[in-house]
Amino acid sequence: MSRIERGDGAVTMETLLVLALVLSELTGESVTPAVLLDASEPIEIAPQATLRPGVVREVLEGRNAGLFVGDLVDGEKLIQEAVGRLQDRMGAYRNVMGPGFDTERVNEAQAAWSLADERAARKLGVANAEFLAWSVRLWGHTMSAEVEKRAEPGASPQKKGRITRVLLDELRQAVNRGDD
């Protein structure tokens, strides 16, 4: 509790329920989690997602069936930024794969994206979206999936590293020539 009071800790649902129960017992009145969350200040529910005061209580009491852009502090700006990032990614996919690219294949590759792919994109000096697009265009999936495909079962990290370097060279050549 002291961490929460100092602002060093996050309030978990468990803490909220226990606190409501204890306060109800101590005061002899009904103290609900919704009452405890009736803040006069915005509440951060996730990084870059801060709700205006009172929204959490409305949701917990069933008065607000869902969250809307207006419930977020700077919601419109956050949505515009997200749309801009999406347009940038779609532009990268279109530039590399052509206007009729297979969105399902891109979505599958995006779901399989790994830290290894991110590091390889950085090493190649291209944005993640462009790296993903080139990977899908060349191999039909992420580069990390292609490493696993080319490596024999039980391959050592050194062997996978060599395969990764070969694939990076393939990707670098395709990017440099535009793979016409």
Foldseek 3Di string as FASTA:
>chain_A
DVCVVVVNDDQDPVNLQVVQVVVCVVVVHRRHSLNVQQDCQWDDPDVQWTFHGNPVSCVVVVNDVDDDLVRGDCSVVVVVVVVVVVVVLLVLLCLQPNDPDDVVLLVVQVVVDDPVLVVLCVVLPHDSSNQSSLCCVVPSHTVVVVLVVPADPPDDPVSSVVSSVVVSVVSSVCVVVSVD
